[in-house]
Amino acid sequence: MNILVIPTTDWIRHPVPNRLNFIFDTIAESHRVFVLHFRLKKFQQNLPRRTECQLVTSGPIGVEDPSLYYLLNAPFHLVTLKKIVEREKIDVILSANILPSFLANWLGVPIVFDYLDHLEESASVYYPGSMIGSLVQKAVRTITRFNLTHSRHVITLTSEMEKYLIGIGVRNISIIPNGADTSLLHPIDKESAKQALGLGGKSVIGYVGSLEYWVDLETAVKALPQLPGVFLLIVGPGLFTDYGDCISKLAADSGVKDRVIFTGAVPYEQIYRYISAMDAGLNPLKRMKKNEYVVGGKIFNYFACGRPVLSSRMVALERLLGDDLFYYDDVSSFITQTEYILNHPKNEDYYRSIALRFDWKILAKEYESVLMDAI
């Protein structure tokens, strides 16, 4: 197959690799995969990751705001899309974006849409509490529903997402969950990992991921005063908002600033060293559709390193993973569950066995089948 991927963001410089990176680097071993490469100004100083896919650069107008970037560069994206489809005889387009995906509908090529997130909420959350955020949400809802209903096939993450899609008139849906690179992410000795981070002998709960307003690190910080001796390790960058600064201020106001450690962005191939230093990995999410319906990849990253997961209680999580996760509903239950995990450690092989069932190479085979069926 000749496949064109329209990703959600910068393919090689975004600090947190997307599920499509893992899936299509695998598929590229046996098919020709081209990626529409968005050079977002926000990430231009980041070191690029290696990829097996062929990049097709598009969008010369560099601006910080992601919505404005896609809007201003839409004519360039359309021209690039037409050229690559004709020149490389593209058989199928895999799309996960909003406006560039809308443009692709007129190219005469079958489209498979990866609905990996509740896009209207994800786009608006970068403008918290503002009129701009409300306008962005309405515009994204309209465009995304057009994209979904005009796709040959839609891939999504959970049965909850599938029900939502059916409700807005989408047919031909496949569920392919998130996963982990279990060859890259693996456990190392916990105490050695803690020593390397200056946390030797400490109890550590940790979060790995982007710092944005859909995350609920507030509960963890508010719980720390009642969890003496427990450190919170936060591994990941702020992207487009000041959420990380807000959490840092909350930690200071709560008197636990010395027990909240921010590492900033860490290369993906090194995060196993940080997860291995944790006694538990956190999946802290605020109550919103994008979180209720989705099971994020970070859970499987924690499992791949043999660590238990403490998560906000979300319906999709409970249905997919059940009692393999620990859940909290508020500060009180966060404290109770953390204390239980610290006092009842589980064999790391058990958690890693879960991740092995969701390895990206296994999921890539399912993806490949959907693309071939769409053609």
Protein backbone atom coordinates (compact mmCIF):
# COMPACT_ATOMS: atom_id res chain seq x y z
CA MET A 1 0.00 0.00 0.00
CA ASN A 2 0.90 3.62 -0.52
CA ILE A 3 -0.38 5.38 2.61
CA LEU A 4 -0.60 9.07 3.44
CA VAL A 5 -0.90 9.98 7.13
CA ILE A 6 -2.32 13.33 8.25
CA PRO A 7 -1.23 13.39 11.91
CA THR A 8 -2.42 15.48 14.83
CA THR A 9 0.79 17.49 15.25
CA ASP A 10 4.50 17.72 14.39
CA TRP A 11 5.50 14.13 13.60
CA ILE A 12 9.10 14.18 14.80
CA ARG A 13 9.48 17.14 17.19
CA HIS A 14 6.42 17.01 19.42
CA PRO A 15 7.86 16.02 22.83
CA VAL A 16 5.27 13.25 23.38
CA PRO A 17 5.04 10.72 20.51
CA ASN A 18 1.53 9.95 19.32
CA ARG A 19 0.07 6.48 18.85
CA LEU A 20 0.32 7.00 15.09
CA ASN A 21 4.10 7.35 15.37
CA PHE A 22 4.40 3.84 16.80
CA ILE A 23 1.82 2.24 14.51
CA PHE A 24 3.07 3.67 11.24
CA ASP A 25 6.76 3.22 11.96
CA THR A 26 5.81 -0.46 12.17
CA ILE A 27 3.58 -0.43 9.08
CA ALA A 28 6.35 1.38 7.15
CA GLU A 29 8.45 -1.78 7.38
CA SER A 30 6.23 -3.37 4.73
CA HIS A 31 4.40 -0.46 3.04
CA ARG A 32 5.24 3.01 1.74
CA VAL A 33 4.10 5.54 4.33
CA PHE A 34 4.15 9.28 3.73
CA VAL A 35 3.38 11.76 6.52
CA LEU A 36 2.15 15.33 6.10
CA HIS A 37 4.71 17.04 8.30
CA PHE A 38 3.52 20.07 10.25
CA ARG A 39 6.47 22.17 11.39
CA LEU A 40 4.78 23.80 14.37
CA LYS A 41 6.75 26.77 15.62
CA LYS A 42 6.26 25.71 19.24
CA PHE A 43 8.41 22.60 18.73
CA GLN A 44 11.04 23.78 16.25
CA GLN A 45 13.83 23.81 18.85
CA ASN A 46 13.16 20.21 19.91
CA LEU A 47 15.45 17.45 18.69
CA PRO A 48 13.75 15.35 15.99
CA ARG A 49 12.91 11.69 16.57
CA ARG A 50 13.87 9.05 14.05
CA THR A 51 11.04 7.74 11.85
CA GLU A 52 10.65 5.02 9.23
CA CYS A 53 8.08 7.14 7.38
CA GLN A 54 8.76 9.62 4.57
CA LEU A 55 8.01 13.20 5.61
CA VAL A 56 6.25 15.64 3.31
CA THR A 57 6.74 19.12 4.78
CA SER A 58 3.81 21.52 4.55
CA GLY A 59 2.80 24.82 6.12
CA PRO A 60 5.43 27.59 5.79
CA ILE A 61 3.65 30.14 8.01
CA GLY A 62 4.99 29.70 11.54
CA VAL A 63 2.82 30.88 14.44
CA GLU A 64 2.64 29.77 18.09
CA ASP A 65 -1.13 29.31 18.27
CA PRO A 66 -2.02 25.82 16.90
CA SER A 67 -5.50 26.77 15.63
CA LEU A 68 -4.14 29.82 13.80
CA TYR A 69 -1.33 27.72 12.31
CA TYR A 70 -3.74 25.29 10.64
CA LEU A 71 -6.05 28.08 9.50
CA LEU A 72 -3.34 30.23 7.90
CA ASN A 73 -1.61 27.27 6.27
CA ALA A 74 -4.75 25.59 4.90
CA PRO A 75 -4.11 26.62 1.24
CA PHE A 76 -0.55 25.26 1.42
CA HIS A 77 -1.75 22.00 2.98
CA LEU A 78 -4.29 21.53 0.20
CA VAL A 79 -1.68 22.04 -2.54
CA THR A 80 0.74 19.66 -0.81
CA LEU A 81 -1.96 17.02 -0.34
CA LYS A 82 -2.93 17.12 -4.03
CA LYS A 83 0.68 16.84 -5.16
CA ILE A 84 1.59 13.91 -2.91
CA VAL A 85 -1.61 11.99 -3.74
CA GLU A 86 -0.95 12.28 -7.48
CA ARG A 87 2.82 11.83 -7.43
CA GLU A 88 2.94 8.82 -5.11
CA LYS A 89 -0.33 7.22 -6.23
CA ILE A 90 -1.69 7.16 -2.69
CA ASP A 91 -4.10 4.27 -2.04
CA VAL A 92 -5.52 5.39 1.30
CA ILE A 93 -5.30 8.37 3.64
CA LEU A 94 -5.18 7.91 7.39
CA SER A 95 -6.32 11.11 9.01
CA ALA A 96 -6.38 12.28 12.63
CA ASN A 97 -6.43 16.06 12.24
CA ILE A 98 -9.23 18.60 11.81
CA LEU A 99 -8.82 21.20 9.06
CA PRO A 100 -6.18 19.39 6.93
CA SER A 101 -8.40 16.28 7.09
CA PHE A 102 -11.34 18.35 5.89
CA LEU A 103 -9.33 19.39 2.83
CA ALA A 104 -8.45 15.77 2.07
CA ASN A 105 -12.11 14.88 1.47
CA TRP A 106 -11.93 16.28 -2.08
CA LEU A 107 -8.88 14.28 -3.24
CA GLY A 108 -10.78 11.18 -4.39
CA VAL A 109 -8.87 8.80 -2.11
CA PRO A 110 -10.44 6.55 0.56
CA ILE A 111 -10.03 8.07 4.02
CA VAL A 112 -9.74 6.23 7.32
CA PHE A 113 -10.15 8.58 10.27
CA ASP A 114 -8.44 7.82 13.58
CA TYR A 115 -10.75 9.35 16.19
CA LEU A 116 -8.33 9.02 19.08
CA ASP A 117 -9.67 11.92 21.10
CA HIS A 118 -12.82 14.00 21.60
CA LEU A 119 -11.36 16.64 19.29
CA GLU A 120 -13.73 19.52 19.98
CA GLU A 121 -12.81 19.48 23.69
CA SER A 122 -9.13 18.91 23.01
CA ALA A 123 -8.94 21.92 20.69
CA SER A 124 -10.82 24.27 23.03
CA VAL A 125 -8.97 23.30 26.21
CA TYR A 126 -5.97 25.36 25.04
CA TYR A 127 -8.13 28.45 25.62
CA PRO A 128 -9.50 27.80 29.13
CA GLY A 129 -12.54 29.83 30.15
CA SER A 130 -12.45 32.13 27.10
CA MET A 131 -14.84 33.06 24.29
CA ILE A 132 -12.16 31.97 21.82
CA GLY A 133 -12.27 28.49 23.33
CA SER A 134 -16.06 28.35 22.86
CA LEU A 135 -15.79 29.44 19.22
CA VAL A 136 -13.00 26.94 18.54
CA GLN A 137 -15.08 24.14 20.07
CA LYS A 138 -18.10 24.89 17.87
CA ALA A 139 -16.01 25.15 14.70
CA VAL A 140 -14.09 21.95 15.43
CA ARG A 141 -17.34 20.09 16.21
CA THR A 142 -18.78 21.02 12.80
CA ILE A 143 -15.66 20.17 10.79
CA THR A 144 -14.92 16.96 12.69
CA ARG A 145 -18.43 15.58 12.24
CA PHE A 146 -18.17 16.23 8.50
CA ASN A 147 -14.81 14.41 8.42
CA LEU A 148 -16.13 11.45 10.40
CA THR A 149 -19.32 10.96 8.40
CA HIS A 150 -17.47 11.23 5.07
CA SER A 151 -14.70 8.73 5.95
CA ARG A 152 -14.66 5.24 4.48
CA HIS A 153 -13.86 3.84 7.92
CA VAL A 154 -13.29 5.20 11.43
CA ILE A 155 -10.90 3.77 14.02
CA THR A 156 -11.45 4.66 17.64
CA LEU A 157 -10.19 3.63 21.08
CA THR A 158 -13.07 2.32 23.18
CA SER A 159 -16.66 1.08 23.02
CA GLU A 160 -17.71 4.38 24.64
CA MET A 161 -16.17 6.30 21.74
CA GLU A 162 -17.87 3.89 19.33
CA LYS A 163 -21.29 4.60 20.88
CA TYR A 164 -20.67 8.33 20.58
CA LEU A 165 -19.73 7.96 16.90
CA ILE A 166 -22.78 5.83 16.11
CA GLY A 167 -24.90 8.52 17.78
CA ILE A 168 -23.71 11.17 15.31
CA GLY A 169 -24.28 8.94 12.29
CA VAL A 170 -20.89 7.28 11.77
CA ARG A 171 -20.76 3.74 10.40
CA ASN A 172 -17.93 1.27 9.70
CA ILE A 173 -16.12 1.64 13.03
CA SER A 174 -13.24 -0.44 14.41
CA ILE A 175 -11.94 -0.30 17.97
CA ILE A 176 -8.14 -0.37 18.30
CA PRO A 177 -6.96 0.70 21.77
CA ASN A 178 -3.81 2.50 22.79
CA GLY A 179 -0.71 0.52 23.71
CA ALA A 180 2.97 0.65 24.58
CA ASP A 181 6.37 -0.07 23.08
CA THR A 182 7.24 -2.94 25.41
CA SER A 183 10.66 -3.43 23.82
CA LEU A 184 11.66 0.13 24.72
CA LEU A 185 9.76 0.47 28.00
CA HIS A 186 10.75 -2.10 30.58
CA PRO A 187 11.34 -2.17 34.33
CA ILE A 188 14.71 -1.65 35.96
CA ASP A 189 15.53 -1.98 39.65
CA LYS A 190 13.31 0.47 41.51
CA GLU A 191 15.79 1.53 44.17
CA SER A 192 18.56 2.06 41.60
CA ALA A 193 16.19 4.17 39.51
CA LYS A 194 15.28 6.25 42.57
CA GLN A 195 18.93 6.75 43.49
CA ALA A 196 19.67 8.03 39.98
CA LEU A 197 17.02 10.74 40.47
CA GLY A 198 18.11 11.67 43.98
CA LEU A 199 15.06 9.96 45.50
CA GLY A 200 16.73 6.99 47.12
CA GLY A 201 14.66 5.52 49.94
CA LYS A 202 11.67 7.77 49.18
CA SER A 203 8.09 6.81 48.35
CA VAL A 204 7.37 8.14 44.86
CA ILE A 205 4.14 8.56 42.92
CA GLY A 206 4.56 9.93 39.42
CA TYR A 207 2.94 11.33 36.34
CA VAL A 208 4.30 11.08 32.79
CA GLY A 209 2.65 13.22 30.11
CA SER A 210 1.80 16.70 28.93
CA LEU A 211 0.86 19.39 31.43
CA GLU A 212 -2.47 20.72 30.22
CA TYR A 213 -5.82 21.65 31.76
CA TRP A 214 -7.48 18.29 31.10
CA VAL A 215 -5.08 16.77 33.66
CA ASP A 216 -5.99 16.58 37.37
CA LEU A 217 -2.72 16.96 39.24
CA GLU A 218 -4.53 19.27 41.68
CA THR A 219 -5.91 16.27 43.60
CA ALA A 220 -2.47 14.71 43.94
CA VAL A 221 -0.92 17.95 45.23
CA LYS A 222 -3.77 18.53 47.69
CA ALA A 223 -3.32 14.98 49.01
CA LEU A 224 0.42 15.32 49.67
CA PRO A 225 0.11 17.13 53.03
CA GLN A 226 -1.63 14.00 54.34
CA LEU A 227 0.89 11.65 52.73
CA PRO A 228 4.05 12.45 54.72
CA GLY A 229 7.26 11.37 53.05
CA VAL A 230 5.62 10.81 49.65
CA PHE A 231 7.12 12.64 46.65
CA LEU A 232 5.30 13.55 43.43
CA LEU A 233 7.45 13.19 40.31
CA ILE A 234 6.05 15.04 37.26
CA VAL A 235 7.69 14.03 33.99
CA GLY A 236 6.66 16.01 30.93
CA PRO A 237 6.38 19.41 29.32
CA GLY A 238 3.81 22.16 29.31
CA LEU A 239 2.69 22.66 25.72
CA PHE A 240 0.37 25.56 25.05
CA THR A 241 -0.92 26.63 28.48
CA ASP A 242 0.36 27.62 31.94
CA TYR A 243 -1.04 24.54 33.70
CA GLY A 244 2.39 23.48 35.00
CA ASP A 245 2.88 26.91 36.59
CA CYS A 246 -0.52 26.62 38.28
CA ILE A 247 0.42 23.24 39.78
CA SER A 248 3.76 24.61 40.98
CA LYS A 249 1.95 27.50 42.70
CA LEU A 250 -0.58 25.12 44.27
CA ALA A 251 2.29 23.01 45.63
CA ALA A 252 3.87 26.09 47.18
CA ASP A 253 0.55 27.24 48.66
CA SER A 254 -0.02 23.74 50.08
CA GLY A 255 3.39 23.63 51.73
CA VAL A 256 4.65 20.69 49.67
CA LYS A 257 6.77 22.43 47.02
CA ASP A 258 9.87 20.53 48.15
CA ARG A 259 8.07 17.23 47.48
CA VAL A 260 6.85 18.04 43.97
CA ILE A 261 9.57 17.49 41.36
CA PHE A 262 9.23 18.72 37.75
CA THR A 263 11.63 17.17 35.25
CA GLY A 264 10.35 18.92 32.12
CA ALA A 265 10.40 17.07 28.81
CA VAL A 266 12.30 13.79 28.78
CA PRO A 267 13.21 11.83 25.59
CA TYR A 268 10.71 9.02 25.15
CA GLU A 269 13.41 6.38 25.05
CA GLN A 270 14.46 7.43 28.57
CA ILE A 271 11.09 7.54 30.35
CA TYR A 272 11.38 3.94 31.55
CA ARG A 273 14.08 5.16 33.95
CA TYR A 274 11.63 7.61 35.50
CA ILE A 275 8.66 5.24 35.61
CA SER A 276 10.85 2.58 37.19
CA ALA A 277 11.57 5.02 40.05
CA MET A 278 7.85 5.25 40.84
CA ASP A 279 5.91 3.17 43.33
CA ALA A 280 2.78 4.03 41.34
CA GLY A 281 2.01 5.79 38.06
CA LEU A 282 -0.77 8.37 37.99
CA ASN A 283 -3.47 8.75 35.35
CA PRO A 284 -5.11 11.89 36.77
CA LEU A 285 -7.93 13.25 34.62
CA LYS A 286 -10.62 15.89 34.95
CA ARG A 287 -14.26 15.07 34.29
CA MET A 288 -14.84 15.73 30.59
CA LYS A 289 -15.87 13.65 27.58
CA LYS A 290 -12.37 13.43 26.15
CA ASN A 291 -11.28 11.75 29.38
CA GLU A 292 -14.42 9.70 30.07
CA TYR A 293 -14.33 8.02 26.65
CA VAL A 294 -10.58 7.47 26.21
CA VAL A 295 -8.00 5.08 27.64
CA GLY A 296 -4.68 6.89 27.28
CA GLY A 297 -1.37 5.33 26.36
CA LYS A 298 0.38 6.39 29.57
CA ILE A 299 -1.41 3.60 31.47
CA PHE A 300 0.24 0.99 29.26
CA ASN A 301 3.59 2.77 29.59
CA TYR A 302 3.36 2.38 33.37
CA PHE A 303 2.33 -1.25 33.02
CA ALA A 304 5.22 -1.94 30.61
CA CYS A 305 7.58 -0.85 33.40
CA GLY A 306 5.81 -3.08 35.91
CA ARG A 307 4.16 -0.31 37.91
CA PRO A 308 0.61 -0.16 39.35
CA VAL A 309 -1.63 2.67 38.17
CA LEU A 310 -3.76 5.02 40.25
CA SER A 311 -6.34 6.71 38.05
CA SER A 312 -9.32 9.01 38.15
CA ARG A 313 -12.44 6.87 37.88
CA MET A 314 -13.54 6.91 34.24
CA VAL A 315 -16.12 4.63 32.64
CA ALA A 316 -13.98 3.57 29.66
CA LEU A 317 -11.09 2.66 31.96
CA GLU A 318 -13.23 0.54 34.25
CA ARG A 319 -14.74 -1.36 31.34
CA LEU A 320 -11.42 -2.07 29.62
CA LEU A 321 -9.12 -2.73 32.57
CA GLY A 322 -11.44 -3.26 35.54
CA ASP A 323 -9.67 -4.15 38.77
CA ASP A 324 -6.23 -4.01 37.18
CA LEU A 325 -6.28 -0.29 38.04
CA PHE A 326 -6.66 1.53 41.35
CA TYR A 327 -9.25 4.34 41.21
CA TYR A 328 -9.84 7.55 43.15
CA ASP A 329 -12.81 9.93 43.19
CA ASP A 330 -11.55 12.73 45.43
CA VAL A 331 -8.66 13.74 47.70
CA SER A 332 -9.71 11.35 50.45
CA SER A 333 -9.84 8.28 48.22
CA PHE A 334 -6.58 9.35 46.53
CA ILE A 335 -4.90 9.25 49.94
CA THR A 336 -6.44 5.89 50.86
CA GLN A 337 -5.49 4.26 47.56
CA THR A 338 -1.95 5.64 47.62
CA GLU A 339 -1.39 4.29 51.12
CA TYR A 340 -2.74 0.90 50.08
CA ILE A 341 -0.47 0.70 47.01
CA LEU A 342 2.60 1.68 49.03
CA ASN A 343 1.83 -0.94 51.68
CA HIS A 344 0.81 -3.75 49.30
CA PRO A 345 3.31 -3.90 46.43
CA LYS A 346 2.40 -6.27 43.57
CA ASN A 347 4.71 -8.34 41.40
CA GLU A 348 5.81 -6.14 38.48
CA ASP A 349 5.59 -9.11 36.09
CA TYR A 350 1.81 -9.05 36.51
CA TYR A 351 1.50 -5.47 35.25
CA ARG A 352 4.00 -5.99 32.45
CA SER A 353 1.96 -8.98 31.23
CA ILE A 354 -0.97 -6.61 30.69
CA ALA A 355 1.15 -4.24 28.59
CA LEU A 356 2.40 -7.12 26.45
CA ARG A 357 -1.18 -7.73 25.29
CA PHE A 358 -1.29 -4.13 24.06
CA ASP A 359 2.08 -3.92 22.33
CA TRP A 360 2.13 -1.47 19.41
CA LYS A 361 3.35 -4.13 16.96
CA ILE A 362 0.26 -6.24 17.68
CA LEU A 363 -2.02 -3.22 17.31
CA ALA A 364 -0.28 -2.17 14.06
CA LYS A 365 -1.38 -5.46 12.44
CA GLU A 366 -5.00 -4.66 13.27
CA TYR A 367 -4.51 -1.17 11.84
CA GLU A 368 -3.02 -2.56 8.65
CA SER A 369 -6.05 -4.79 8.12
CA VAL A 370 -8.46 -1.86 8.44
CA LEU A 371 -6.50 0.15 5.88
CA MET A 372 -6.47 -2.72 3.39
CA ASP A 373 -10.21 -3.24 3.82
CA ALA A 374 -10.83 0.48 3.19
CA ILE A 375 -9.02 0.24 -0.14
